[in-house]
Amino acid sequence: MSSCTSAELDSVSKDRSNDLSDPDQPPKPKNRRGQQPGRPAPNRRDYSHLPEREQLIELPEDAKVCACCGEPLVGLGQSDPCEQIEIETILYRRVVRRGRYRRTCQCHAQPRTVTAPLPPKLLPKSIFGTSLWIHLLLEKFHLQRPTHRTIEQLGLLGVDLAAGTIAGGLKRIEPLLTPIYDAICDRQTKSNYFQADETRWKVFVEKAGKTGHLWWLWLFAGEDSIAYVLDPSRSHDVPQSHLSDDVQGVLMVDRYSAYKAIEQVKEGQLALAFCWAHVRRDFVKVGKGYPELVPWALQWLGRIAELYRLNRERVKHPIDSEPFREADAALRQHLDSMWAQRDVELSTEKLRDPCCKVITSLRKHWGGLTLFVDDPRIPLDNNYGERLIRNPALGRKNYYGSGAEWSGRLAVMMFSIFATLALWKINPYKWLSWYFEACAENDGKIPSDPSSFLPWNLSTERLSEQRSSPATALTSDTS
């Protein structure tokens, strides 16, 4: 089970879209953007790993003399160097000329002429090389830029790409990534702790038994792997079929009813931990919808903020230490007071309906909301999962979804691969280059042992190599 960091625990406090202010208090001044007064300056970034191109600037010949008397100036060497970071995107044609040889002997068992073999190709018979396909995959599924925008950008650099040709190539690449995606999904289901979430995704195909083009993109984040699943349904069948039948552990979710209907949850194999950030939003919603209830909502928001603070203080210390036990006791005492306040308010006949609805939901989900008490590794909220689904959601806004089922499969494959690589701090450009090179050497087919490319199977040396920045990368300036 993954450890809960203080940044994750405190992430709810940074969700400014769900803030509620006290009308009787003056608004807090907003900090200016950039470096804050009194804060230490950030470390200067190091660019020494980039290749160096030296430029020597000399004085013109007519300036190498004294402007008054015309006597020549004597050289003193060079000044201290100054650096600038530049970017250069080069597209080129790789023209392969193969050597041909004729035998001079009389050995008829050998061919009369011998030609050097063709270099390995990711997609046999394709005019486009591996580096271009990697660029297209990174642009669309990592940076979430529509393919037609990338084609337009490359057109400005002098190459005219046909959208249909690019789509055909991506369709051929999709099967090559299937074993990697399947392995990530399998690995993810073996975790002891999960976070799950779902969001809309359009797939513009006609499917029997389904009206419209609305599909659902599901996220399942494990300890060392992250899987996305695309399905026409938003029902409990999707997480139920994704998770293994013998799964054991904790699933952190919002309060969506589909998660409660999962068979593994009903059987007691999987415990549902509910998200305090969603509970907090309930009180914010009441305060924003009913101005007269703002003081009541602010009181509960204060209790939730104190809950986060106490848990953050608790997880700073080793579990068996005395400071941990003291912080743990304070946390449990605070939860007991919240429990008591909840029951007192529910027993009040004058409790307004909006308040009653929120407090009733709090009581209904109390068990899942307090799982973190006995297991400090469980975070208080599902914000980590929501952040993981944010990048695909940006793609949904930029290119609307997928135009075919194979395109949707490729999307979830790339989302899963890129998110898992990021979890392991692996450079996606380097990893794709390594994997596609192995595919090319196998005549454009899946490598004989795709499991050797999975992050958790890499040696320390290989992992360090994959984490380093590439010497040169085909990237675009998106500033």
Protein backbone atom coordinates (compact mmCIF):
# COMPACT_ATOMS: atom_id res chain seq x y z
CA MET A 1 0.00 0.00 0.00
CA SER A 2 1.42 3.36 -0.98
CA SER A 3 2.39 5.83 1.70
CA CYS A 4 0.37 8.98 2.16
CA THR A 5 2.41 12.13 1.66
CA SER A 6 1.70 15.40 3.38
CA ALA A 7 1.19 17.04 -0.01
CA GLU A 8 -1.58 14.55 -0.81
CA LEU A 9 -3.17 15.02 2.60
CA ASP A 10 -3.14 18.79 2.25
CA SER A 11 -4.24 18.87 -1.39
CA VAL A 12 -7.83 19.61 -0.43
CA SER A 13 -6.78 22.96 1.04
CA LYS A 14 -5.45 24.03 -2.36
CA ASP A 15 -8.71 23.32 -4.18
CA ARG A 16 -9.71 26.98 -4.51
CA SER A 17 -12.73 26.20 -6.70
CA ASN A 18 -14.36 24.68 -3.60
CA ASP A 19 -13.59 27.43 -1.11
CA LEU A 20 -16.23 29.15 0.99
CA SER A 21 -15.49 32.53 2.55
CA ASP A 22 -16.98 34.07 5.66
CA PRO A 23 -18.94 37.21 4.63
CA ASP A 24 -18.24 38.76 8.06
CA GLN A 25 -14.47 38.49 7.60
CA PRO A 26 -12.41 40.66 5.24
CA PRO A 27 -11.15 38.73 2.22
CA LYS A 28 -7.61 37.46 2.47
CA PRO A 29 -5.18 39.33 0.22
CA LYS A 30 -4.07 37.28 -2.75
CA ASN A 31 -0.38 36.63 -3.20
CA ARG A 32 1.22 37.97 -6.33
CA ARG A 33 2.38 35.37 -8.78
CA GLY A 34 6.04 34.41 -8.80
CA GLN A 35 8.66 34.55 -6.08
CA GLN A 36 7.13 35.35 -2.68
CA PRO A 37 8.83 37.76 -0.24
CA GLY A 38 10.69 35.96 2.50
CA ARG A 39 10.79 32.65 0.66
CA PRO A 40 14.15 31.12 -0.33
CA ALA A 41 15.06 31.57 -3.97
CA PRO A 42 14.69 28.44 -6.13
CA ASN A 43 17.83 26.61 -7.22
CA ARG A 44 19.21 27.61 -10.59
CA ARG A 45 18.43 24.97 -13.21
CA ASP A 46 21.29 22.94 -14.59
CA TYR A 47 21.54 22.56 -18.38
CA SER A 48 25.04 21.08 -18.50
CA HIS A 49 23.65 17.80 -19.90
CA LEU A 50 22.71 19.50 -23.18
CA PRO A 51 25.12 19.31 -26.12
CA GLU A 52 27.30 22.38 -26.52
CA ARG A 53 27.86 24.48 -29.65
CA GLU A 54 30.61 27.03 -29.24
CA GLN A 55 30.43 30.41 -30.97
CA LEU A 56 33.49 32.68 -31.09
CA ILE A 57 32.82 36.37 -31.72
CA GLU A 58 35.79 38.52 -32.77
CA LEU A 59 36.11 42.25 -33.22
CA PRO A 60 35.98 43.44 -36.83
CA GLU A 61 39.44 44.17 -38.27
CA ASP A 62 38.86 47.94 -38.32
CA ALA A 63 37.95 47.83 -34.62
CA LYS A 64 41.20 46.10 -33.58
CA VAL A 65 43.05 49.43 -33.48
CA CYS A 66 42.97 52.41 -31.15
CA ALA A 67 40.29 54.85 -32.25
CA CYS A 68 42.61 57.80 -31.43
CA CYS A 69 46.07 56.89 -32.76
CA GLY A 70 45.46 53.78 -34.86
CA GLU A 71 47.91 51.58 -32.93
CA PRO A 72 46.87 47.88 -33.00
CA LEU A 73 45.17 46.31 -29.99
CA VAL A 74 46.86 43.32 -28.33
CA GLY A 75 44.77 40.19 -27.74
CA LEU A 76 44.05 39.20 -24.12
CA GLY A 77 42.37 35.87 -24.78
CA GLN A 78 38.62 35.52 -24.32
CA SER A 79 36.05 36.88 -21.91
CA ASP A 80 34.05 34.70 -19.53
CA PRO A 81 31.56 32.62 -21.54
CA CYS A 82 27.85 33.34 -21.51
CA GLU A 83 25.20 30.76 -22.40
CA GLN A 84 21.84 30.74 -24.14
CA ILE A 85 19.49 27.79 -24.50
CA GLU A 86 18.36 27.27 -28.09
CA ILE A 87 16.03 24.77 -29.74
CA GLU A 88 16.35 23.32 -33.22
CA THR A 89 13.88 20.92 -34.80
CA ILE A 90 15.30 19.17 -37.85
CA LEU A 91 13.32 16.99 -40.22
CA TYR A 92 15.38 15.09 -42.73
CA ARG A 93 15.25 12.26 -45.25
CA ARG A 94 17.34 9.28 -44.27
CA VAL A 95 18.53 7.91 -47.59
CA VAL A 96 19.74 4.33 -47.19
CA ARG A 97 22.23 3.12 -49.78
CA ARG A 98 23.13 -0.54 -49.36
CA GLY A 99 26.36 -2.05 -50.50
CA ARG A 100 26.21 -4.79 -53.17
CA TYR A 101 28.85 -7.44 -53.65
CA ARG A 102 29.54 -10.02 -56.38
CA ARG A 103 31.22 -13.29 -55.64
CA THR A 104 34.40 -14.10 -57.52
CA CYS A 105 34.48 -17.79 -56.73
CA GLN A 106 32.78 -20.72 -58.46
CA CYS A 107 30.69 -21.79 -55.43
CA HIS A 108 27.27 -22.16 -57.03
CA ALA A 109 25.61 -22.80 -53.64
CA GLN A 110 25.99 -19.09 -52.86
CA PRO A 111 24.09 -16.30 -54.64
CA ARG A 112 25.99 -14.43 -57.33
CA THR A 113 25.37 -11.03 -55.68
CA VAL A 114 24.96 -10.15 -51.99
CA THR A 115 23.29 -6.94 -50.79
CA ALA A 116 23.51 -5.47 -47.29
CA PRO A 117 20.23 -5.89 -45.36
CA LEU A 118 17.72 -3.11 -44.89
CA PRO A 119 17.82 -1.31 -41.51
CA PRO A 120 15.13 -2.40 -39.03
CA LYS A 121 11.78 -0.60 -39.44
CA LEU A 122 8.99 -0.24 -36.92
CA LEU A 123 6.35 -0.36 -39.66
CA PRO A 124 7.59 -2.31 -42.69
CA LYS A 125 6.94 -0.56 -46.02
CA SER A 126 6.19 2.73 -44.24
CA ILE A 127 8.09 5.81 -45.39
CA PHE A 128 8.06 7.23 -41.86
CA GLY A 129 10.69 6.28 -39.29
CA THR A 130 10.37 5.43 -35.62
CA SER A 131 11.25 8.92 -34.38
CA LEU A 132 8.28 10.44 -36.21
CA TRP A 133 5.82 7.93 -34.72
CA ILE A 134 7.21 8.57 -31.24
CA HIS A 135 6.78 12.30 -31.79
CA LEU A 136 3.15 11.84 -32.84
CA LEU A 137 2.35 9.59 -29.86
CA LEU A 138 3.92 11.98 -27.37
CA GLU A 139 2.21 14.99 -28.89
CA LYS A 140 -1.27 13.49 -28.77
CA PHE A 141 -1.36 11.22 -25.73
CA HIS A 142 1.21 12.87 -23.46
CA LEU A 143 0.85 16.56 -24.35
CA GLN A 144 -2.80 16.17 -25.49
CA ARG A 145 -2.41 18.07 -28.76
CA PRO A 146 -4.75 17.11 -31.61
CA THR A 147 -3.02 15.21 -34.40
CA HIS A 148 -4.06 17.78 -37.00
CA ARG A 149 -2.26 20.45 -34.96
CA THR A 150 0.92 18.37 -34.95
CA ILE A 151 0.58 17.84 -38.70
CA GLU A 152 0.18 21.60 -39.12
CA GLN A 153 3.26 22.26 -36.98
CA LEU A 154 5.36 19.81 -39.01
CA GLY A 155 4.02 21.43 -42.17
CA LEU A 156 5.54 24.72 -41.02
CA LEU A 157 8.88 22.89 -40.90
CA GLY A 158 8.54 21.67 -44.46
CA VAL A 159 6.95 18.21 -44.35
CA ASP A 160 3.42 17.58 -45.63
CA LEU A 161 1.78 14.63 -43.84
CA ALA A 162 -1.52 13.05 -44.85
CA ALA A 163 -3.91 12.59 -41.92
CA GLY A 164 -5.13 9.27 -43.33
CA THR A 165 -1.59 7.92 -43.56
CA ILE A 166 -0.90 8.91 -39.97
CA ALA A 167 -4.13 7.27 -38.77
CA GLY A 168 -3.25 4.09 -40.65
CA GLY A 169 0.19 3.99 -39.05
CA LEU A 170 -1.17 4.51 -35.54
CA LYS A 171 -3.64 1.69 -36.14
CA ARG A 172 -0.71 -0.60 -36.96
CA ILE A 173 1.15 0.50 -33.82
CA GLU A 174 -1.76 -0.27 -31.48
CA PRO A 175 -1.28 -4.10 -31.46
CA LEU A 176 2.43 -3.68 -30.68
CA LEU A 177 1.55 -2.01 -27.36
CA THR A 178 -1.16 -4.50 -26.34
CA PRO A 179 1.09 -6.81 -24.25
CA ILE A 180 2.52 -3.84 -22.34
CA TYR A 181 -0.97 -2.53 -21.58
CA ASP A 182 -2.24 -5.97 -20.53
CA ALA A 183 0.75 -6.39 -18.20
CA ILE A 184 0.13 -2.98 -16.61
CA CYS A 185 -3.54 -3.86 -16.00
CA ASP A 186 -2.58 -7.22 -14.52
CA ARG A 187 0.03 -5.65 -12.28
CA GLN A 188 -2.35 -2.94 -11.14
CA THR A 189 -4.98 -5.46 -9.99
CA LYS A 190 -2.41 -7.12 -7.71
CA SER A 191 -2.01 -4.00 -5.57
CA ASN A 192 -3.32 -3.83 -2.02
CA TYR A 193 -4.47 -0.24 -2.38
CA PHE A 194 -6.29 1.39 -5.29
CA GLN A 195 -7.75 4.72 -6.27
CA ALA A 196 -10.50 4.77 -8.87
CA ASP A 197 -12.35 7.45 -10.78
CA GLU A 198 -14.18 7.84 -14.08
CA THR A 199 -14.90 10.58 -16.60
CA ARG A 200 -16.68 11.03 -19.92
CA TRP A 201 -15.05 10.04 -23.21
CA LYS A 202 -16.62 10.22 -26.67
CA VAL A 203 -16.13 7.38 -29.17
CA PHE A 204 -17.72 8.32 -32.49
CA VAL A 205 -18.87 4.90 -33.64
CA GLU A 206 -22.26 3.27 -33.90
CA LYS A 207 -22.48 0.35 -31.47
CA ALA A 208 -25.34 -2.11 -31.30
CA GLY A 209 -27.49 -1.60 -28.23
CA LYS A 210 -26.02 1.81 -27.43
CA THR A 211 -27.51 5.21 -28.16
CA GLY A 212 -25.13 8.09 -28.70
CA HIS A 213 -21.36 8.26 -28.53
CA LEU A 214 -20.81 8.71 -24.79
CA TRP A 215 -18.35 6.19 -23.35
CA TRP A 216 -16.54 6.24 -20.01
CA LEU A 217 -12.85 6.44 -19.24
CA TRP A 218 -12.09 4.62 -15.98
CA LEU A 219 -8.94 5.14 -13.92
CA PHE A 220 -7.45 2.53 -11.60
CA ALA A 221 -4.29 3.63 -9.78
CA GLY A 222 -2.28 1.04 -7.87
CA GLU A 223 0.92 1.17 -5.87
CA ASP A 224 3.32 1.01 -8.83
CA SER A 225 1.10 0.96 -11.91
CA ILE A 226 -1.78 2.98 -13.34
CA ALA A 227 -4.38 1.60 -15.74
CA TYR A 228 -7.08 3.33 -17.77
CA VAL A 229 -10.04 1.39 -19.14
CA LEU A 230 -12.46 2.56 -21.84
CA ASP A 231 -15.97 1.12 -21.77
CA PRO A 232 -19.41 2.08 -23.11
CA SER A 233 -20.85 1.59 -19.62
CA ARG A 234 -20.57 3.42 -16.32
CA SER A 235 -21.95 0.46 -14.38
CA HIS A 236 -20.28 -1.57 -11.64
CA ASP A 237 -19.47 -4.28 -14.20
CA VAL A 238 -16.44 -2.29 -15.39
CA PRO A 239 -14.49 -2.10 -12.10
CA GLN A 240 -15.78 -5.53 -11.12
CA SER A 241 -14.40 -7.16 -14.27
CA HIS A 242 -11.17 -5.15 -14.17
CA LEU A 243 -10.33 -6.15 -10.60
CA SER A 244 -9.39 -9.79 -10.08
CA ASP A 245 -11.83 -12.15 -8.38
CA ASP A 246 -9.44 -12.73 -5.48
CA VAL A 247 -8.51 -9.07 -4.99
CA GLN A 248 -7.83 -7.97 -1.42
CA GLY A 249 -7.26 -4.48 -0.09
CA VAL A 250 -8.70 -0.97 -0.03
CA LEU A 251 -10.32 0.97 -2.87
CA MET A 252 -10.37 4.77 -2.47
CA VAL A 253 -13.32 6.29 -4.36
CA ASP A 254 -15.92 8.99 -4.30
CA ARG A 255 -19.42 7.93 -3.24
CA TYR A 256 -20.62 6.87 -6.70
CA SER A 257 -23.02 3.95 -6.25
CA ALA A 258 -21.38 1.72 -8.88
CA TYR A 259 -18.39 1.12 -6.60
CA LYS A 260 -20.66 -0.01 -3.79
CA ALA A 261 -22.24 -2.64 -6.09
CA ILE A 262 -18.94 -4.36 -6.96
CA GLU A 263 -19.13 -8.05 -6.08
CA GLN A 264 -15.70 -8.02 -4.43
CA VAL A 265 -16.94 -5.22 -2.16
CA LYS A 266 -20.12 -7.08 -1.26
CA GLU A 267 -18.08 -10.19 -0.44
CA GLY A 268 -15.88 -8.20 1.92
CA GLN A 269 -12.69 -8.72 -0.07
CA LEU A 270 -12.38 -5.05 -0.93
CA ALA A 271 -13.01 -2.25 1.55
CA LEU A 272 -14.22 1.09 0.22
CA ALA A 273 -12.47 4.18 1.57
CA PHE A 274 -14.48 7.31 0.84
CA CYS A 275 -13.10 10.73 -0.01
CA TRP A 276 -13.18 13.57 2.52
CA ALA A 277 -12.66 16.13 -0.25
CA HIS A 278 -16.07 15.18 -1.67
CA VAL A 279 -17.62 15.51 1.79
CA ARG A 280 -16.06 18.94 2.09
CA ARG A 281 -17.60 19.96 -1.24
CA ASP A 282 -21.03 19.06 0.16
CA PHE A 283 -20.69 21.70 2.87
CA VAL A 284 -19.28 24.25 0.42
CA LYS A 285 -22.27 23.66 -1.87
CA VAL A 286 -24.70 24.26 0.97
CA GLY A 287 -22.91 27.47 1.96
CA LYS A 288 -22.91 28.80 -1.60
CA GLY A 289 -26.53 27.85 -2.22
CA TYR A 290 -27.93 29.16 1.07
CA PRO A 291 -26.18 32.33 2.33
CA GLU A 292 -27.92 32.07 5.70
CA LEU A 293 -26.25 28.68 6.24
CA VAL A 294 -22.70 29.93 5.61
CA PRO A 295 -21.80 30.01 9.35
CA TRP A 296 -22.99 26.41 9.77
CA ALA A 297 -21.04 25.27 6.70
CA LEU A 298 -17.90 27.12 7.83
CA GLN A 299 -17.99 25.34 11.19
CA TRP A 300 -17.94 21.96 9.47
CA LEU A 301 -15.25 23.08 7.04
CA GLY A 302 -13.16 24.06 10.05
CA ARG A 303 -13.63 20.61 11.56
CA ILE A 304 -12.57 18.95 8.31
CA ALA A 305 -9.54 21.24 8.03
CA GLU A 306 -8.55 20.29 11.57
CA LEU A 307 -8.95 16.62 10.63
CA TYR A 308 -6.47 17.07 7.79
CA ARG A 309 -4.06 18.95 10.04
CA LEU A 310 -4.15 16.29 12.76
CA ASN A 311 -3.62 13.46 10.31
CA ARG A 312 -0.80 15.34 8.61
CA GLU A 313 0.86 15.74 12.00
CA ARG A 314 0.32 12.05 12.74
CA VAL A 315 1.93 10.65 9.59
CA LYS A 316 5.08 12.70 10.15
CA HIS A 317 6.21 10.17 12.75
CA PRO A 318 6.96 6.42 12.70
CA ILE A 319 3.92 4.38 13.66
CA ASP A 320 5.45 2.88 16.82
CA SER A 321 6.84 6.18 18.13
CA GLU A 322 5.49 8.14 21.09
CA PRO A 323 4.81 11.30 18.99
CA PHE A 324 2.71 9.18 16.65
CA ARG A 325 0.66 7.77 19.51
CA GLU A 326 0.02 11.25 20.88
CA ALA A 327 -1.03 12.60 17.47
CA ASP A 328 -3.14 9.50 16.86
CA ALA A 329 -4.98 10.00 20.14
CA ALA A 330 -5.68 13.64 19.25
CA LEU A 331 -7.00 12.59 15.84
CA ARG A 332 -9.33 9.97 17.31
CA GLN A 333 -10.60 12.44 19.89
CA HIS A 334 -11.38 14.95 17.13
CA LEU A 335 -13.25 12.30 15.13
CA ASP A 336 -15.27 11.39 18.23
CA SER A 337 -16.29 15.03 18.59
CA MET A 338 -17.30 15.14 14.91
CA TRP A 339 -19.31 11.94 15.43
CA ALA A 340 -21.09 13.46 18.44
CA GLN A 341 -21.79 16.74 16.64
CA ARG A 342 -23.18 14.83 13.67
CA ASP A 343 -25.65 12.89 15.85
CA VAL A 344 -26.66 16.00 17.79
CA GLU A 345 -27.52 17.85 14.59
CA LEU A 346 -29.45 14.91 13.15
CA SER A 347 -31.57 14.77 16.29
CA THR A 348 -32.45 18.46 15.93
CA GLU A 349 -35.92 18.92 14.49
CA LYS A 350 -35.13 22.40 13.17
CA LEU A 351 -32.23 21.20 11.02
CA ARG A 352 -32.71 22.57 7.51
CA ASP A 353 -33.20 20.06 4.68
CA PRO A 354 -29.91 20.90 2.88
CA CYS A 355 -28.01 20.40 6.14
CA CYS A 356 -29.89 17.22 6.95
CA LYS A 357 -29.06 15.75 3.55
CA VAL A 358 -25.33 16.42 3.97
CA ILE A 359 -25.16 15.16 7.56
CA THR A 360 -27.15 12.03 6.68
CA SER A 361 -24.69 11.25 3.89
CA LEU A 362 -21.84 11.82 6.34
CA ARG A 363 -23.32 9.28 8.75
CA LYS A 364 -24.03 6.80 5.94
CA HIS A 365 -20.43 6.82 4.72
CA TRP A 366 -18.72 7.23 8.10
CA GLY A 367 -17.20 3.75 8.09
CA GLY A 368 -15.44 4.27 4.76
CA LEU A 369 -14.46 7.82 5.69
CA THR A 370 -12.61 6.62 8.80
CA LEU A 371 -10.69 3.64 7.41
CA PHE A 372 -7.56 5.79 7.43
CA VAL A 373 -7.60 5.93 11.24
CA ASP A 374 -6.46 2.34 11.71
CA ASP A 375 -4.25 2.35 8.61
CA PRO A 376 -2.32 5.63 8.26
CA ARG A 377 -1.15 4.64 4.78
CA ILE A 378 -4.64 5.40 3.45
CA PRO A 379 -5.01 9.06 2.38
CA LEU A 380 -8.03 11.12 3.32
CA ASP A 381 -9.12 11.90 -0.22
CA ASN A 382 -9.19 10.77 -3.83
CA ASN A 383 -7.49 13.91 -5.15
CA TYR A 384 -4.54 11.90 -6.45
CA GLY A 385 -6.87 9.88 -8.68
CA GLU A 386 -8.62 13.03 -9.87
CA ARG A 387 -5.28 14.55 -10.83
CA LEU A 388 -4.38 11.42 -12.80
CA ILE A 389 -7.55 11.70 -14.86
CA ARG A 390 -7.04 15.41 -15.52
CA ASN A 391 -4.56 14.95 -18.38
CA PRO A 392 -6.84 12.63 -20.41
CA ALA A 393 -9.69 15.05 -19.71
CA LEU A 394 -7.59 17.77 -21.31
CA GLY A 395 -7.25 15.54 -24.38
CA ARG A 396 -11.02 15.09 -24.42
CA LYS A 397 -11.44 18.85 -24.61
CA ASN A 398 -8.77 19.28 -27.27
CA TYR A 399 -9.65 16.46 -29.68
CA TYR A 400 -13.10 15.44 -28.39
CA GLY A 401 -12.39 11.73 -27.90
CA SER A 402 -11.78 8.89 -30.35
CA GLY A 403 -13.06 8.39 -33.87
CA ALA A 404 -12.90 4.58 -33.80
CA GLU A 405 -12.74 1.76 -31.26
CA TRP A 406 -9.11 0.97 -32.13
CA SER A 407 -8.29 4.64 -31.56
CA GLY A 408 -9.94 4.47 -28.13
CA ARG A 409 -7.93 1.36 -27.27
CA LEU A 410 -4.72 3.11 -28.33
CA ALA A 411 -5.66 6.12 -26.19
CA VAL A 412 -6.09 4.11 -22.97
CA MET A 413 -2.92 2.14 -23.74
CA MET A 414 -0.87 5.30 -24.10
CA PHE A 415 -2.50 6.96 -21.06
CA SER A 416 -1.68 3.87 -18.98
CA ILE A 417 1.88 3.57 -20.27
CA PHE A 418 2.71 7.26 -19.84
CA ALA A 419 1.17 7.45 -16.35
CA THR A 420 2.99 4.31 -15.20
CA LEU A 421 6.28 5.54 -16.64
CA ALA A 422 5.79 8.85 -14.83
CA LEU A 423 5.20 6.94 -11.60
CA TRP A 424 8.61 5.31 -12.08
CA LYS A 425 10.16 8.63 -13.23
CA ILE A 426 11.02 7.09 -16.60
CA ASN A 427 11.51 9.32 -19.64
CA PRO A 428 8.71 8.33 -22.07
CA TYR A 429 10.76 9.33 -25.12
CA LYS A 430 13.62 7.05 -24.11
CA TRP A 431 11.30 4.17 -23.24
CA LEU A 432 9.35 4.34 -26.50
CA SER A 433 12.60 4.53 -28.47
CA TRP A 434 13.91 1.45 -26.67
CA TYR A 435 10.71 -0.57 -27.07
CA PHE A 436 10.05 0.38 -30.69
CA GLU A 437 13.66 -0.38 -31.59
CA ALA A 438 13.09 -3.91 -30.26
CA CYS A 439 9.88 -4.15 -32.32
CA ALA A 440 11.74 -2.99 -35.43
CA GLU A 441 14.50 -5.56 -34.91
CA ASN A 442 11.78 -8.22 -34.74
CA ASP A 443 10.48 -7.28 -38.22
CA GLY A 444 7.87 -4.84 -36.88
CA LYS A 445 6.36 -7.37 -34.46
CA ILE A 446 6.03 -7.61 -30.69
CA PRO A 447 9.40 -8.43 -29.06
CA SER A 448 9.88 -12.02 -27.96
CA ASP A 449 9.86 -10.99 -24.27
CA PRO A 450 7.78 -7.82 -23.80
CA SER A 451 7.81 -8.30 -20.02
CA SER A 452 11.48 -7.27 -19.97
CA PHE A 453 10.40 -3.71 -20.84
CA LEU A 454 8.11 -3.30 -17.82
CA PRO A 455 9.42 -0.82 -15.22
CA TRP A 456 9.24 -3.26 -12.29
CA ASN A 457 11.35 -5.80 -14.21
CA LEU A 458 14.19 -3.41 -15.09
CA SER A 459 17.62 -3.69 -13.54
CA THR A 460 18.97 -0.78 -11.53
CA GLU A 461 21.31 0.15 -14.37
CA ARG A 462 18.60 0.02 -17.03
CA LEU A 463 16.19 1.98 -14.83
CA SER A 464 18.80 4.68 -14.29
CA GLU A 465 19.43 4.83 -18.03
CA GLN A 466 15.72 5.15 -18.83
CA ARG A 467 15.33 7.93 -16.29
CA SER A 468 18.07 10.09 -17.79
CA SER A 469 17.27 12.76 -20.33
CA PRO A 470 17.90 11.86 -23.96
CA ALA A 471 20.83 13.55 -25.67
CA THR A 472 18.46 14.78 -28.36
CA ALA A 473 14.69 14.55 -28.47
CA LEU A 474 12.17 15.42 -31.15
CA THR A 475 10.02 17.74 -29.10
CA SER A 476 8.18 20.93 -29.85
CA ASP A 477 8.33 24.35 -28.28
CA THR A 478 4.97 24.67 -26.52
CA SER A 479 5.78 27.83 -24.57
